[in-house]
Amino acid sequence: MSYRKEEFYDEKKLELLKENYGSLIQHIGEDTGREGLKLTPQRASKALQFLTQGYDMDPKNILRSAMFREDYQEMVIVKDIEVYSLCEHHLLPFFGKAHIAYIPNGYIAGISKFGRVVDAFSRRLQVQERMTHQILDCVQEVLNPLGAAVVIEAQHLCMMMRGVQKQNSKTTTSAFTGEFMKSPTRNEFIKLISVRLS
């Protein structure tokens, strides 16, 4: 049996993107007819649709789909969630880790949904600062916890590959609500996401 990969794309968008990618490749002085580039407009169009699929996702509904009543009122942390996004200024990737915490107030959410919420916001044209607050606001609005926290650490190719070309720089953003506005709770969260368990 041969391998067959099934993918689903908006065909109308795909055709428009292919035309634009073909034009872009020609405008930088390349030959879209040469072997290595013949299928590049189609491949790049599919890649861009995949990388921006967050526009078709509703992060709040994702979180609501796995809410459960629970009396637990201690800190819940989901850390080291992979983040892959596109900088809206240069259309270059930035990538890293997101750490999300909340203190339940009658409801908890399925752990995997936090990863999906991150994807829903990161798979768009983004800036890290806005995305940090979007994730926080989603958790706060849907779960109404006693407090929520989000920290994102990322490397930006727009800073590494062009411009200042600083290869080892990382950007950290954070946002807090409720109990996490208090130093002891926030410090506990920062300490816990810094610990590497073996």
N, C-alpha and C. Protein backbone atom coordinates (compact mmCIF):
# COMPACT_ATOMS: atom_id res chain seq x y z
N MET A 1 0.84 -1.18 0.00
CA MET A 1 0.00 0.00 0.00
C MET A 1 0.88 1.24 0.00
N SER A 2 0.61 2.18 -0.88
CA SER A 2 1.41 3.40 -0.96
C SER A 2 0.94 4.42 0.06
N TYR A 3 1.87 5.31 0.39
CA TYR A 3 1.58 6.36 1.36
C TYR A 3 0.77 7.45 0.69
N ARG A 4 -0.28 7.89 1.38
CA ARG A 4 -1.09 8.99 0.85
C ARG A 4 -1.38 9.98 1.97
N LYS A 5 -0.96 11.20 1.77
CA LYS A 5 -1.17 12.23 2.78
C LYS A 5 -2.42 13.03 2.42
N GLU A 6 -3.33 13.18 3.40
CA GLU A 6 -4.55 13.95 3.16
C GLU A 6 -4.41 15.31 3.80
N GLU A 7 -4.59 16.35 3.00
CA GLU A 7 -4.53 17.72 3.49
C GLU A 7 -5.75 18.47 3.00
N PHE A 8 -6.18 19.46 3.78
CA PHE A 8 -7.37 20.21 3.42
C PHE A 8 -7.03 21.71 3.40
N TYR A 9 -7.28 22.33 2.27
CA TYR A 9 -6.97 23.74 2.10
C TYR A 9 -8.13 24.44 1.42
N ASP A 10 -8.21 25.73 1.61
CA ASP A 10 -9.17 26.56 0.90
C ASP A 10 -8.62 26.75 -0.51
N GLU A 11 -9.22 26.08 -1.48
CA GLU A 11 -8.68 26.07 -2.84
C GLU A 11 -8.66 27.45 -3.48
N LYS A 12 -9.66 28.26 -3.18
CA LYS A 12 -9.70 29.61 -3.76
C LYS A 12 -8.53 30.44 -3.25
N LYS A 13 -8.30 30.40 -1.93
CA LYS A 13 -7.17 31.11 -1.35
C LYS A 13 -5.86 30.55 -1.88
N LEU A 14 -5.80 29.23 -2.03
CA LEU A 14 -4.59 28.58 -2.50
C LEU A 14 -4.18 29.11 -3.87
N GLU A 15 -5.13 29.24 -4.78
CA GLU A 15 -4.83 29.73 -6.13
C GLU A 15 -4.34 31.18 -6.10
N LEU A 16 -4.99 32.01 -5.29
CA LEU A 16 -4.57 33.42 -5.18
C LEU A 16 -3.16 33.53 -4.60
N LEU A 17 -2.90 32.75 -3.56
CA LEU A 17 -1.58 32.77 -2.94
C LEU A 17 -0.51 32.27 -3.90
N LYS A 18 -0.83 31.22 -4.68
CA LYS A 18 0.13 30.68 -5.65
C LYS A 18 0.54 31.75 -6.66
N GLU A 19 -0.43 32.50 -7.15
CA GLU A 19 -0.13 33.56 -8.11
C GLU A 19 0.80 34.60 -7.48
N ASN A 20 0.49 34.97 -6.26
CA ASN A 20 1.29 35.99 -5.58
C ASN A 20 2.69 35.50 -5.25
N TYR A 21 2.80 34.25 -4.82
CA TYR A 21 4.14 33.71 -4.54
C TYR A 21 4.95 33.60 -5.83
N GLY A 22 4.30 33.20 -6.92
CA GLY A 22 5.00 33.13 -8.20
C GLY A 22 5.53 34.49 -8.61
N SER A 23 4.70 35.51 -8.45
CA SER A 23 5.10 36.88 -8.78
C SER A 23 6.25 37.34 -7.89
N LEU A 24 6.17 37.04 -6.61
CA LEU A 24 7.21 37.43 -5.66
C LEU A 24 8.55 36.80 -6.04
N ILE A 25 8.53 35.51 -6.37
CA ILE A 25 9.77 34.80 -6.74
C ILE A 25 10.38 35.43 -8.00
N GLN A 26 9.54 35.78 -8.95
CA GLN A 26 10.04 36.43 -10.17
C GLN A 26 10.63 37.80 -9.87
N HIS A 27 9.99 38.54 -8.94
CA HIS A 27 10.44 39.88 -8.64
C HIS A 27 11.77 39.93 -7.89
N ILE A 28 12.17 38.84 -7.25
CA ILE A 28 13.50 38.83 -6.62
C ILE A 28 14.56 38.35 -7.60
N GLY A 29 14.14 38.05 -8.86
CA GLY A 29 15.10 37.70 -9.90
C GLY A 29 15.28 36.22 -10.15
N GLU A 30 14.38 35.41 -9.60
CA GLU A 30 14.48 33.97 -9.80
C GLU A 30 13.61 33.51 -10.97
N ASP A 31 13.87 32.29 -11.40
CA ASP A 31 13.15 31.68 -12.52
C ASP A 31 12.15 30.66 -11.96
N THR A 32 10.87 30.99 -12.00
CA THR A 32 9.85 30.06 -11.46
C THR A 32 9.71 28.81 -12.31
N GLY A 33 10.34 28.79 -13.47
CA GLY A 33 10.26 27.61 -14.33
C GLY A 33 11.33 26.57 -14.05
N ARG A 34 12.35 26.93 -13.27
CA ARG A 34 13.40 25.94 -13.02
C ARG A 34 12.91 24.85 -12.07
N GLU A 35 13.53 23.69 -12.17
CA GLU A 35 13.03 22.49 -11.49
C GLU A 35 12.76 22.68 -9.99
N GLY A 36 13.71 23.27 -9.29
CA GLY A 36 13.55 23.41 -7.84
C GLY A 36 12.46 24.37 -7.41
N LEU A 37 12.03 25.24 -8.33
CA LEU A 37 11.04 26.25 -7.97
C LEU A 37 9.67 26.04 -8.60
N LYS A 38 9.53 25.05 -9.45
CA LYS A 38 8.26 24.85 -10.16
C LYS A 38 7.07 24.72 -9.22
N LEU A 39 7.25 23.96 -8.15
CA LEU A 39 6.15 23.73 -7.22
C LEU A 39 6.21 24.61 -5.96
N THR A 40 7.22 25.48 -5.91
CA THR A 40 7.39 26.31 -4.72
C THR A 40 6.19 27.21 -4.43
N PRO A 41 5.59 27.89 -5.44
CA PRO A 41 4.42 28.71 -5.12
C PRO A 41 3.28 27.91 -4.47
N GLN A 42 3.08 26.68 -4.92
CA GLN A 42 2.02 25.85 -4.34
C GLN A 42 2.40 25.41 -2.92
N ARG A 43 3.65 24.97 -2.75
CA ARG A 43 4.09 24.53 -1.42
C ARG A 43 4.06 25.69 -0.42
N ALA A 44 4.54 26.86 -0.84
CA ALA A 44 4.57 28.03 0.06
C ALA A 44 3.15 28.46 0.42
N SER A 45 2.23 28.35 -0.54
CA SER A 45 0.83 28.72 -0.28
C SER A 45 0.21 27.80 0.76
N LYS A 46 0.48 26.52 0.64
CA LYS A 46 -0.04 25.56 1.62
C LYS A 46 0.58 25.81 2.99
N ALA A 47 1.88 26.09 3.00
CA ALA A 47 2.57 26.36 4.27
C ALA A 47 1.97 27.59 4.95
N LEU A 48 1.73 28.65 4.17
CA LEU A 48 1.18 29.87 4.77
C LEU A 48 -0.22 29.64 5.31
N GLN A 49 -1.03 28.87 4.59
CA GLN A 49 -2.38 28.56 5.11
C GLN A 49 -2.28 27.80 6.42
N PHE A 50 -1.35 26.84 6.49
CA PHE A 50 -1.18 26.08 7.73
C PHE A 50 -0.71 26.98 8.87
N LEU A 51 0.26 27.84 8.57
CA LEU A 51 0.86 28.69 9.61
C LEU A 51 -0.07 29.80 10.08
N THR A 52 -1.15 30.05 9.36
CA THR A 52 -2.11 31.09 9.76
C THR A 52 -3.50 30.51 10.00
N GLN A 53 -3.58 29.22 10.29
CA GLN A 53 -4.89 28.59 10.50
C GLN A 53 -5.58 29.05 11.79
N GLY A 54 -4.85 29.77 12.63
CA GLY A 54 -5.45 30.28 13.87
C GLY A 54 -6.60 31.23 13.63
N TYR A 55 -6.61 31.89 12.46
CA TYR A 55 -7.72 32.79 12.14
C TYR A 55 -9.05 32.04 12.05
N ASP A 56 -9.00 30.75 11.80
CA ASP A 56 -10.21 29.95 11.68
C ASP A 56 -10.56 29.22 12.98
N MET A 57 -9.83 29.50 14.04
CA MET A 57 -10.07 28.84 15.33
C MET A 57 -10.66 29.83 16.32
N ASP A 58 -11.50 29.35 17.21
CA ASP A 58 -12.07 30.17 18.28
C ASP A 58 -11.47 29.70 19.61
N PRO A 59 -10.47 30.40 20.13
CA PRO A 59 -9.79 29.95 21.35
C PRO A 59 -10.72 29.78 22.55
N LYS A 60 -11.70 30.67 22.67
CA LYS A 60 -12.62 30.57 23.81
C LYS A 60 -13.46 29.30 23.73
N ASN A 61 -13.92 28.97 22.53
CA ASN A 61 -14.70 27.73 22.37
C ASN A 61 -13.83 26.51 22.61
N ILE A 62 -12.56 26.60 22.24
CA ILE A 62 -11.64 25.49 22.49
C ILE A 62 -11.58 25.22 23.99
N LEU A 63 -11.40 26.26 24.79
CA LEU A 63 -11.30 26.11 26.24
C LEU A 63 -12.63 25.68 26.85
N ARG A 64 -13.72 26.25 26.33
CA ARG A 64 -15.06 25.88 26.86
C ARG A 64 -15.39 24.41 26.59
N SER A 65 -14.80 23.84 25.55
CA SER A 65 -15.16 22.47 25.16
C SER A 65 -14.70 21.42 26.17
N ALA A 66 -13.84 21.83 27.12
CA ALA A 66 -13.36 20.86 28.12
C ALA A 66 -13.29 21.51 29.50
N MET A 67 -14.40 22.13 29.91
CA MET A 67 -14.49 22.71 31.25
C MET A 67 -15.19 21.74 32.18
N PHE A 68 -14.65 21.61 33.38
CA PHE A 68 -15.22 20.67 34.35
C PHE A 68 -15.33 21.34 35.71
N ARG A 69 -16.43 21.10 36.40
CA ARG A 69 -16.58 21.60 37.77
C ARG A 69 -15.61 20.87 38.68
N GLU A 70 -14.88 21.62 39.48
CA GLU A 70 -13.92 21.01 40.40
C GLU A 70 -13.62 22.01 41.52
N ASP A 71 -13.50 21.49 42.76
CA ASP A 71 -13.26 22.35 43.91
C ASP A 71 -11.78 22.70 44.10
N TYR A 72 -10.91 22.15 43.30
CA TYR A 72 -9.47 22.39 43.42
C TYR A 72 -9.18 23.89 43.32
N GLN A 73 -8.42 24.42 44.31
CA GLN A 73 -8.11 25.86 44.31
C GLN A 73 -6.63 26.15 44.50
N GLU A 74 -5.79 25.23 44.04
CA GLU A 74 -4.35 25.48 44.06
C GLU A 74 -3.90 25.83 42.64
N MET A 75 -2.68 26.28 42.53
CA MET A 75 -2.16 26.70 41.23
C MET A 75 -2.05 25.53 40.25
N VAL A 76 -2.50 25.75 39.04
CA VAL A 76 -2.35 24.78 37.94
C VAL A 76 -1.44 25.43 36.91
N ILE A 77 -0.36 24.73 36.55
CA ILE A 77 0.58 25.27 35.57
C ILE A 77 0.73 24.29 34.41
N VAL A 78 0.63 24.80 33.22
CA VAL A 78 0.97 24.04 32.02
C VAL A 78 2.15 24.78 31.41
N LYS A 79 3.32 24.17 31.47
CA LYS A 79 4.51 24.90 31.03
C LYS A 79 5.17 24.24 29.82
N ASP A 80 6.08 24.98 29.22
CA ASP A 80 6.84 24.52 28.06
C ASP A 80 5.96 24.13 26.88
N ILE A 81 4.91 24.91 26.65
CA ILE A 81 4.05 24.69 25.48
C ILE A 81 4.76 25.31 24.27
N GLU A 82 5.04 24.52 23.25
CA GLU A 82 5.74 25.03 22.08
C GLU A 82 4.93 26.12 21.38
N VAL A 83 5.62 27.19 21.00
CA VAL A 83 5.00 28.30 20.28
C VAL A 83 5.72 28.47 18.94
N TYR A 84 4.96 28.50 17.86
CA TYR A 84 5.49 28.82 16.54
C TYR A 84 4.58 29.86 15.92
N SER A 85 5.14 31.01 15.58
CA SER A 85 4.32 32.07 15.03
C SER A 85 5.08 32.83 13.96
N LEU A 86 4.39 33.77 13.31
CA LEU A 86 5.00 34.62 12.29
C LEU A 86 4.93 36.07 12.75
N CYS A 87 6.08 36.72 12.79
CA CYS A 87 6.14 38.14 13.14
C CYS A 87 5.39 38.95 12.08
N GLU A 88 4.47 39.78 12.50
CA GLU A 88 3.67 40.52 11.53
C GLU A 88 4.45 41.65 10.87
N HIS A 89 5.63 41.97 11.38
CA HIS A 89 6.42 43.06 10.80
C HIS A 89 7.26 42.61 9.61
N HIS A 90 7.78 41.37 9.67
CA HIS A 90 8.66 40.90 8.60
C HIS A 90 8.23 39.56 8.01
N LEU A 91 7.15 38.97 8.54
CA LEU A 91 6.68 37.65 8.11
C LEU A 91 7.75 36.58 8.28
N LEU A 92 8.57 36.75 9.32
CA LEU A 92 9.57 35.75 9.67
C LEU A 92 9.13 35.06 10.96
N PRO A 93 9.52 33.79 11.13
CA PRO A 93 9.07 33.05 12.32
C PRO A 93 9.67 33.57 13.62
N PHE A 94 8.89 33.40 14.69
CA PHE A 94 9.45 33.43 16.04
C PHE A 94 8.91 32.21 16.76
N PHE A 95 9.71 31.68 17.66
CA PHE A 95 9.36 30.40 18.27
C PHE A 95 9.92 30.33 19.68
N GLY A 96 9.28 29.53 20.52
CA GLY A 96 9.74 29.40 21.89
C GLY A 96 8.77 28.58 22.71
N LYS A 97 8.59 29.01 23.97
CA LYS A 97 7.75 28.28 24.92
C LYS A 97 6.80 29.22 25.62
N ALA A 98 5.59 28.73 25.87
CA ALA A 98 4.61 29.46 26.66
C ALA A 98 4.37 28.71 27.96
N HIS A 99 4.17 29.45 29.02
CA HIS A 99 3.85 28.89 30.34
C HIS A 99 2.55 29.55 30.79
N ILE A 100 1.56 28.74 31.12
CA ILE A 100 0.24 29.25 31.51
C ILE A 100 -0.10 28.71 32.91
N ALA A 101 -0.60 29.58 33.76
CA ALA A 101 -1.04 29.14 35.09
C ALA A 101 -2.37 29.80 35.42
N TYR A 102 -3.14 29.12 36.26
CA TYR A 102 -4.37 29.71 36.78
C TYR A 102 -4.70 29.06 38.12
N ILE A 103 -5.48 29.77 38.92
CA ILE A 103 -5.97 29.24 40.19
C ILE A 103 -7.48 29.07 40.03
N PRO A 104 -7.96 27.83 39.95
CA PRO A 104 -9.38 27.58 39.65
C PRO A 104 -10.33 28.23 40.64
N ASN A 105 -11.48 28.57 40.12
CA ASN A 105 -12.54 29.17 40.93
C ASN A 105 -13.85 28.44 40.62
N GLY A 106 -13.82 27.11 40.81
CA GLY A 106 -15.00 26.30 40.52
C GLY A 106 -14.89 25.48 39.26
N TYR A 107 -13.98 25.86 38.34
CA TYR A 107 -13.82 25.13 37.08
C TYR A 107 -12.35 24.92 36.76
N ILE A 108 -12.08 23.74 36.20
CA ILE A 108 -10.77 23.47 35.60
C ILE A 108 -11.02 23.19 34.12
N ALA A 109 -9.93 23.14 33.36
CA ALA A 109 -10.05 22.85 31.93
C ALA A 109 -9.10 21.72 31.57
N GLY A 110 -9.46 20.95 30.53
CA GLY A 110 -8.59 19.89 30.04
C GLY A 110 -7.23 20.46 29.66
N ILE A 111 -6.18 19.81 30.11
CA ILE A 111 -4.83 20.34 29.96
C ILE A 111 -4.46 20.55 28.49
N SER A 112 -4.85 19.63 27.62
CA SER A 112 -4.46 19.75 26.20
C SER A 112 -5.06 21.00 25.55
N LYS A 113 -6.14 21.51 26.12
CA LYS A 113 -6.80 22.67 25.52
C LYS A 113 -5.93 23.93 25.61
N PHE A 114 -5.05 23.98 26.60
CA PHE A 114 -4.17 25.15 26.71
C PHE A 114 -3.19 25.19 25.55
N GLY A 115 -2.71 24.02 25.14
CA GLY A 115 -1.86 23.95 23.96
C GLY A 115 -2.60 24.38 22.71
N ARG A 116 -3.86 24.00 22.62
CA ARG A 116 -4.67 24.38 21.45
C ARG A 116 -4.98 25.89 21.45
N VAL A 117 -5.18 26.44 22.63
CA VAL A 117 -5.41 27.89 22.73
C VAL A 117 -4.16 28.65 22.27
N VAL A 118 -2.99 28.17 22.69
CA VAL A 118 -1.74 28.79 22.25
C VAL A 118 -1.64 28.73 20.73
N ASP A 119 -1.95 27.57 20.13
CA ASP A 119 -1.91 27.44 18.67
C ASP A 119 -2.88 28.39 17.99
N ALA A 120 -4.06 28.52 18.55
CA ALA A 120 -5.08 29.37 17.93
C ALA A 120 -4.62 30.82 17.84
N PHE A 121 -3.87 31.28 18.83
CA PHE A 121 -3.36 32.65 18.80
C PHE A 121 -2.02 32.77 18.07
N SER A 122 -1.18 31.74 18.17
CA SER A 122 0.16 31.84 17.57
C SER A 122 0.14 31.61 16.07
N ARG A 123 -0.82 30.85 15.58
CA ARG A 123 -0.86 30.59 14.13
C ARG A 123 -1.63 31.70 13.42
N ARG A 124 -1.10 32.89 13.60
CA ARG A 124 -1.60 34.11 12.97
C ARG A 124 -0.39 35.02 12.78
N LEU A 125 -0.56 36.12 12.08
CA LEU A 125 0.48 37.14 12.08
C LEU A 125 0.42 37.82 13.44
N GLN A 126 1.55 37.84 14.15
CA GLN A 126 1.50 38.20 15.56
C GLN A 126 2.66 39.08 15.99
N VAL A 127 2.50 39.65 17.17
CA VAL A 127 3.61 40.16 17.96
C VAL A 127 3.50 39.47 19.32
N GLN A 128 4.64 39.17 19.90
CA GLN A 128 4.66 38.38 21.13
C GLN A 128 3.91 39.06 22.27
N GLU A 129 4.03 40.38 22.34
CA GLU A 129 3.39 41.11 23.43
C GLU A 129 1.87 40.96 23.39
N ARG A 130 1.29 41.13 22.20
CA ARG A 130 -0.17 41.00 22.06
C ARG A 130 -0.62 39.58 22.35
N MET A 131 0.11 38.60 21.80
CA MET A 131 -0.27 37.21 21.98
C MET A 131 -0.30 36.82 23.46
N THR A 132 0.66 37.33 24.22
CA THR A 132 0.70 37.03 25.66
C THR A 132 -0.60 37.47 26.34
N HIS A 133 -1.06 38.67 26.03
CA HIS A 133 -2.30 39.17 26.62
C HIS A 133 -3.53 38.47 26.07
N GLN A 134 -3.51 38.08 24.79
CA GLN A 134 -4.66 37.38 24.23
C GLN A 134 -4.88 36.04 24.92
N ILE A 135 -3.79 35.32 25.17
CA ILE A 135 -3.90 34.03 25.87
C ILE A 135 -4.42 34.24 27.28
N LEU A 136 -3.83 35.22 27.98
CA LEU A 136 -4.26 35.52 29.35
C LEU A 136 -5.74 35.89 29.40
N ASP A 137 -6.17 36.78 28.51
CA ASP A 137 -7.56 37.24 28.50
C ASP A 137 -8.52 36.09 28.22
N CYS A 138 -8.11 35.17 27.34
CA CYS A 138 -8.96 34.02 27.02
C CYS A 138 -9.16 33.14 28.26
N VAL A 139 -8.07 32.82 28.96
CA VAL A 139 -8.15 31.98 30.16
C VAL A 139 -8.98 32.68 31.23
N GLN A 140 -8.76 33.97 31.42
CA GLN A 140 -9.48 34.72 32.46
C GLN A 140 -10.97 34.79 32.15
N GLU A 141 -11.31 35.08 30.90
CA GLU A 141 -12.72 35.25 30.54
C GLU A 141 -13.49 33.94 30.58
N VAL A 142 -12.89 32.87 30.09
CA VAL A 142 -13.61 31.59 29.99
C VAL A 142 -13.70 30.89 31.35
N LEU A 143 -12.58 30.78 32.07
CA LEU A 143 -12.56 30.01 33.31
C LEU A 143 -12.90 30.86 34.54
N ASN A 144 -12.79 32.17 34.42
CA ASN A 144 -13.01 33.08 35.55
C ASN A 144 -12.26 32.59 36.79
N PRO A 145 -10.95 32.35 36.66
CA PRO A 145 -10.19 31.85 37.82
C PRO A 145 -9.92 32.96 38.83
N LEU A 146 -9.36 32.57 39.97
CA LEU A 146 -8.96 33.56 40.97
C LEU A 146 -7.78 34.38 40.49
N GLY A 147 -7.11 33.89 39.50
CA GLY A 147 -6.00 34.60 38.87
C GLY A 147 -5.43 33.76 37.75
N ALA A 148 -4.75 34.42 36.82
CA ALA A 148 -4.12 33.71 35.71
C ALA A 148 -2.78 34.37 35.39
N ALA A 149 -1.90 33.60 34.79
CA ALA A 149 -0.57 34.11 34.44
C ALA A 149 -0.12 33.48 33.13
N VAL A 150 0.57 34.26 32.31
CA VAL A 150 1.16 33.77 31.07
C VAL A 150 2.55 34.37 30.93
N VAL A 151 3.52 33.51 30.64
CA VAL A 151 4.87 33.95 30.30
C VAL A 151 5.25 33.28 29.00
N ILE A 152 5.78 34.06 28.07
CA ILE A 152 6.27 33.51 26.80
C ILE A 152 7.72 33.91 26.61
N GLU A 153 8.54 32.92 26.29
CA GLU A 153 9.95 33.14 25.96
C GLU A 153 10.14 32.74 24.51
N ALA A 154 10.70 33.62 23.68
CA ALA A 154 10.81 33.28 22.26
C ALA A 154 12.05 33.89 21.62
N GLN A 155 12.48 33.25 20.55
CA GLN A 155 13.55 33.74 19.69
C GLN A 155 12.92 34.20 18.38
N HIS A 156 13.37 35.34 17.90
CA HIS A 156 12.76 35.95 16.72
C HIS A 156 13.76 35.97 15.56
N LEU A 157 13.41 35.30 14.47
CA LEU A 157 14.31 35.25 13.33
C LEU A 157 14.48 36.62 12.68
N CYS A 158 13.52 37.53 12.88
CA CYS A 158 13.69 38.88 12.34
C CYS A 158 14.84 39.60 13.02
N MET A 159 15.19 39.16 14.22
CA MET A 159 16.33 39.74 14.93
C MET A 159 17.60 38.91 14.73
N MET A 160 17.44 37.63 14.43
CA MET A 160 18.59 36.73 14.30
C MET A 160 19.15 36.67 12.88
N MET A 161 18.26 36.72 11.87
CA MET A 161 18.68 36.53 10.49
C MET A 161 18.94 37.83 9.74
N ARG A 162 18.35 38.92 10.21
CA ARG A 162 18.47 40.20 9.50
C ARG A 162 18.71 41.30 10.53
N GLY A 163 18.81 42.52 10.06
CA GLY A 163 18.96 43.64 10.99
C GLY A 163 20.16 43.50 11.90
N VAL A 164 19.91 43.46 13.19
CA VAL A 164 20.98 43.45 14.19
C VAL A 164 21.71 42.10 14.26
N GLN A 165 21.08 41.02 13.81
CA GLN A 165 21.68 39.68 13.72
C GLN A 165 22.29 39.21 15.05
N LYS A 166 21.49 39.24 16.09
CA LYS A 166 21.92 38.75 17.39
C LYS A 166 21.37 37.34 17.58
N GLN A 167 22.26 36.35 17.51
CA GLN A 167 21.85 34.95 17.43
C GLN A 167 21.31 34.37 18.74
N ASN A 168 21.74 34.89 19.85
CA ASN A 168 21.39 34.26 21.13
C ASN A 168 20.38 35.04 21.96
N SER A 169 19.76 36.03 21.35
CA SER A 169 18.80 36.84 22.10
C SER A 169 17.46 36.13 22.24
N LYS A 170 16.83 36.35 23.38
CA LYS A 170 15.49 35.83 23.63
C LYS A 170 14.64 36.97 24.17
N THR A 171 13.35 36.90 23.87
CA THR A 171 12.41 37.90 24.37
C THR A 171 11.44 37.23 25.31
N THR A 172 11.25 37.81 26.49
CA THR A 172 10.31 37.27 27.47
C THR A 172 9.21 38.29 27.72
N THR A 173 7.97 37.84 27.64
CA THR A 173 6.82 38.69 27.94
C THR A 173 5.98 38.01 29.01
N SER A 174 5.28 38.80 29.81
CA SER A 174 4.45 38.23 30.87
C SER A 174 3.21 39.07 31.06
N ALA A 175 2.18 38.42 31.60
CA ALA A 175 0.93 39.11 31.92
C ALA A 175 0.25 38.35 33.06
N PHE A 176 -0.40 39.10 33.97
CA PHE A 176 -0.97 38.50 35.17
C PHE A 176 -2.32 39.13 35.50
N THR A 177 -3.18 38.32 36.14
CA THR A 177 -4.43 38.84 36.68
C THR A 177 -4.63 38.29 38.09
N GLY A 178 -5.54 38.91 38.83
CA GLY A 178 -5.99 38.39 40.12
C GLY A 178 -4.87 38.11 41.10
N GLU A 179 -4.88 36.89 41.64
CA GLU A 179 -3.92 36.49 42.67
C GLU A 179 -2.48 36.59 42.20
N PHE A 180 -2.25 36.50 40.90
CA PHE A 180 -0.89 36.57 40.38
C PHE A 180 -0.34 38.00 40.37
N MET A 181 -1.20 38.97 40.67
CA MET A 181 -0.72 40.34 40.83
C MET A 181 0.01 40.50 42.16
N LYS A 182 -0.18 39.54 43.08
CA LYS A 182 0.48 39.58 44.39
C LYS A 182 1.84 38.90 44.29
N SER A 183 2.84 39.51 44.87
CA SER A 183 4.22 39.03 44.75
C SER A 183 4.42 37.57 45.16
N PRO A 184 3.88 37.10 46.29
CA PRO A 184 4.15 35.71 46.68
C PRO A 184 3.63 34.70 45.64
N THR A 185 2.43 34.93 45.11
CA THR A 185 1.86 34.01 44.13
C THR A 185 2.65 34.07 42.82
N ARG A 186 2.95 35.29 42.40
CA ARG A 186 3.70 35.46 41.15
C ARG A 186 5.09 34.84 41.28
N ASN A 187 5.75 35.03 42.42
CA ASN A 187 7.08 34.47 42.64
C ASN A 187 7.06 32.94 42.65
N GLU A 188 6.01 32.37 43.24
CA GLU A 188 5.87 30.90 43.22
C GLU A 188 5.75 30.39 41.78
N PHE A 189 4.95 31.07 40.99
CA PHE A 189 4.78 30.70 39.58
C PHE A 189 6.11 30.78 38.82
N ILE A 190 6.82 31.89 38.98
CA ILE A 190 8.10 32.07 38.29
C ILE A 190 9.09 30.99 38.72
N LYS A 191 9.10 30.67 40.00
CA LYS A 191 10.00 29.63 40.50
C LYS A 191 9.67 28.27 39.90
N LEU A 192 8.38 27.95 39.85
CA LEU A 192 7.95 26.65 39.34
C LEU A 192 8.21 26.48 37.84
N ILE A 193 8.06 27.55 37.07
CA ILE A 193 8.32 27.39 35.63
C ILE A 193 9.82 27.38 35.33
N SER A 194 10.63 27.82 36.31
CA SER A 194 12.08 27.81 36.14
C SER A 194 12.70 26.47 36.49
N VAL A 195 11.98 25.65 37.25
CA VAL A 195 12.50 24.36 37.70
C VAL A 195 12.43 23.36 36.55
N ARG A 196 13.51 22.62 36.36
CA ARG A 196 13.55 21.56 35.34
C ARG A 196 13.53 20.22 36.09
N LEU A 197 12.43 19.50 35.95
CA LEU A 197 12.30 18.20 36.61
C LEU A 197 13.00 17.13 35.76
N SER A 198 13.66 16.20 36.41
CA SER A 198 14.37 15.15 35.66
C SER A 198 13.40 14.03 35.27
